[in-house]
Amino acid sequence: MKEITIYTDGSAKNNPGLGGYGVVLMFKGQRKELSAGFRKTTNNRMELLAVIVGLSALKEKCKVKIYSDSKYVIEPIQKGWLVSWKAKNWTRGKKEKVKNPDLWIQLDELLQKHEIEFCWVKGHNGNKENERCDVLAVSASETGNLLIDENYECKPDGS
């Protein structure tokens, strides 16, 4: 099985606001960078989407080490909350809906396809690849060619 390293990061200005994700995939000295920007989204959605995009780029079952500075992404997986949310039809606690269920469902499906280890890294702390992902995410959100995050749910006040 191929051993792949993936670094991910997401960002959103004013959260919610302009956002983007950045991904660096590494395999035997080769690297691939992926990014995209969105008109209106949240930081948490971009953090999730970065992992989804990274895993979706893999063409076969792999052993994957994913580095992220997002505890929002890592803790539900490492602490078993994702399994519980899925069993409770994407709710937590007393029927409180899980935020971003569309992305959690996609991520859950991808997690079943690979052997994955998540590693938390402190953001903006000198980790070269994490910093590169941040640059990719922010740069993508500043381009004129922004996508629409169709599943982002606006609050009643339009924000």
Protein backbone atom coordinates (compact mmCIF):
# COMPACT_ATOMS: atom_id res chain seq x y z
CA MET A 1 0.00 0.00 0.00
CA LYS A 2 1.27 3.47 -0.87
CA GLU A 3 2.10 5.70 2.09
CA ILE A 4 0.87 9.24 1.53
CA THR A 5 1.31 12.34 3.67
CA ILE A 6 -1.34 15.05 3.43
CA TYR A 7 -1.22 18.51 5.00
CA THR A 8 -4.43 20.55 5.02
CA ASP A 9 -5.69 23.96 6.05
CA GLY A 10 -8.78 26.08 5.60
CA SER A 11 -9.51 29.73 6.09
CA ALA A 12 -12.39 32.19 6.01
CA LYS A 13 -12.10 35.94 6.34
CA ASN A 14 -14.62 37.41 8.76
CA ASN A 15 -15.90 33.84 9.29
CA PRO A 16 -18.28 33.55 7.53
CA GLY A 17 -16.90 35.25 4.50
CA LEU A 18 -14.48 34.67 1.65
CA GLY A 19 -12.78 31.36 2.23
CA GLY A 20 -10.47 28.78 0.80
CA TYR A 21 -8.63 25.55 1.41
CA GLY A 22 -5.10 24.41 0.77
CA VAL A 23 -3.79 20.86 0.50
CA VAL A 24 -0.29 19.45 0.06
CA LEU A 25 -0.03 15.76 -0.87
CA MET A 26 3.36 14.07 -0.66
CA PHE A 27 4.50 10.67 -1.91
CA LYS A 28 8.11 9.51 -2.29
CA GLY A 29 9.53 12.99 -2.80
CA GLN A 30 6.75 14.09 -5.13
CA ARG A 31 4.22 16.73 -4.12
CA LYS A 32 0.93 18.02 -5.39
CA GLU A 33 -0.77 21.18 -4.20
CA LEU A 34 -4.53 21.75 -4.40
CA SER A 35 -6.60 24.79 -3.50
CA ALA A 36 -9.84 26.61 -4.25
CA GLY A 37 -11.62 29.69 -2.99
CA PHE A 38 -15.27 30.30 -2.11
CA ARG A 39 -17.44 33.42 -2.02
CA LYS A 40 -19.05 32.78 1.35
CA THR A 41 -18.24 29.97 3.72
CA THR A 42 -16.79 29.26 7.15
CA ASN A 43 -13.37 28.29 8.42
CA ASN A 44 -14.67 24.94 9.71
CA ARG A 45 -16.20 24.07 6.33
CA MET A 46 -12.90 24.85 4.61
CA GLU A 47 -10.93 22.78 7.15
CA LEU A 48 -13.22 19.81 6.43
CA LEU A 49 -13.19 20.37 2.68
CA ALA A 50 -9.39 20.43 2.62
CA VAL A 51 -9.25 16.92 4.09
CA ILE A 52 -12.01 15.73 1.73
CA VAL A 53 -10.22 17.12 -1.33
CA GLY A 54 -6.91 15.59 -0.24
CA LEU A 55 -8.40 12.14 0.28
CA SER A 56 -10.48 12.40 -2.91
CA ALA A 57 -7.29 12.90 -4.91
CA LEU A 58 -6.12 9.38 -4.03
CA LYS A 59 -6.81 6.83 -6.78
CA GLU A 60 -6.38 3.67 -4.69
CA LYS A 61 -6.45 2.51 -1.10
CA CYS A 62 -3.52 4.08 0.73
CA LYS A 63 -1.98 4.38 4.16
CA VAL A 64 -2.41 8.10 4.86
CA LYS A 65 -1.03 10.41 7.51
CA ILE A 66 -3.02 13.66 7.60
CA TYR A 67 -1.66 16.73 9.34
CA SER A 68 -4.13 19.47 10.26
CA ASP A 69 -4.23 22.37 12.68
CA SER A 70 -7.99 21.91 13.08
CA LYS A 71 -9.17 20.23 16.25
CA TYR A 72 -12.68 20.69 14.80
CA VAL A 73 -11.75 18.07 12.18
CA ILE A 74 -9.46 15.80 14.18
CA GLU A 75 -11.18 15.41 17.55
CA PRO A 76 -14.50 14.00 16.30
CA ILE A 77 -12.58 11.27 14.51
CA GLN A 78 -10.02 10.49 17.21
CA LYS A 79 -12.55 10.65 20.06
CA GLY A 80 -15.22 8.57 18.29
CA TRP A 81 -17.77 11.36 18.04
CA LEU A 82 -18.10 10.91 14.27
CA VAL A 83 -19.22 7.29 14.74
CA SER A 84 -21.76 8.43 17.35
CA TRP A 85 -23.09 11.27 15.17
CA LYS A 86 -23.55 8.90 12.26
CA ALA A 87 -25.38 6.35 14.45
CA LYS A 88 -27.68 9.13 15.69
CA ASN A 89 -28.50 10.32 12.16
CA TRP A 90 -26.04 13.22 12.31
CA THR A 91 -27.24 14.61 15.61
CA ARG A 92 -25.41 15.08 18.88
CA GLY A 93 -26.60 15.37 22.42
CA LYS A 94 -30.33 15.90 22.69
CA LYS A 95 -31.20 16.03 19.01
CA GLU A 96 -28.89 18.97 18.26
CA LYS A 97 -27.96 18.70 14.59
CA VAL A 98 -24.30 18.31 13.73
CA LYS A 99 -23.02 21.36 11.85
CA ASN A 100 -21.82 20.76 8.29
CA PRO A 101 -23.38 17.30 7.95
CA ASP A 102 -22.88 17.31 4.17
CA LEU A 103 -19.12 17.47 4.64
CA TRP A 104 -18.99 15.07 7.59
CA ILE A 105 -20.89 12.50 5.49
CA GLN A 106 -18.41 12.88 2.62
CA LEU A 107 -15.46 12.63 4.99
CA ASP A 108 -16.90 9.57 6.70
CA GLU A 109 -17.19 7.79 3.34
CA LEU A 110 -13.58 8.62 2.45
CA LEU A 111 -12.29 7.47 5.84
CA GLN A 112 -13.64 3.98 5.06
CA LYS A 113 -11.48 3.73 1.92
CA HIS A 114 -8.04 4.22 3.45
CA GLU A 115 -5.92 3.51 6.52
CA ILE A 116 -5.72 6.95 8.10
CA GLU A 117 -3.85 8.51 10.97
CA PHE A 118 -4.63 12.11 11.93
CA CYS A 119 -1.94 14.30 13.47
CA TRP A 120 -2.62 17.71 14.96
CA VAL A 121 -0.08 20.46 14.33
CA LYS A 122 -0.16 23.88 15.93
CA GLY A 123 -1.14 26.41 13.26
CA HIS A 124 1.06 29.38 12.38
CA ASN A 125 3.91 27.86 14.34
CA GLY A 126 6.61 27.33 11.74
CA ASN A 127 5.56 23.96 10.32
CA LYS A 128 6.63 24.43 6.69
CA GLU A 129 3.87 22.39 5.05
CA ASN A 130 1.13 23.70 7.35
CA GLU A 131 2.26 27.24 6.54
CA ARG A 132 2.21 26.41 2.82
CA CYS A 133 -1.37 25.14 3.11
CA ASP A 134 -2.35 28.37 4.85
CA VAL A 135 -0.82 30.40 2.02
CA LEU A 136 -2.68 28.28 -0.53
CA ALA A 137 -5.99 28.66 1.33
CA VAL A 138 -5.72 32.42 1.80
CA SER A 139 -4.47 33.00 -1.75
CA ALA A 140 -7.34 30.95 -3.18
CA SER A 141 -9.85 33.08 -1.28
CA GLU A 142 -8.33 36.23 -2.79
CA THR A 143 -8.67 35.21 -6.44
CA GLY A 144 -11.42 36.58 -8.65
CA ASN A 145 -12.57 33.08 -9.56
CA LEU A 146 -14.45 32.08 -6.39
CA LEU A 147 -16.78 29.11 -6.17
CA ILE A 148 -20.14 29.00 -4.41
CA ASP A 149 -20.33 26.82 -1.32
CA GLU A 150 -23.83 25.61 -2.17
CA ASN A 151 -24.37 23.80 1.11
CA TYR A 152 -23.30 26.66 3.33
CA GLU A 153 -26.30 27.59 5.42
CA CYS A 154 -26.82 31.31 5.92
CA LYS A 155 -28.31 32.56 9.15
CA PRO A 156 -31.77 34.17 8.98
CA ASP A 157 -30.13 37.62 8.95
CA GLY A 158 -28.29 36.69 5.74
CA SER A 159 -24.85 36.37 7.31
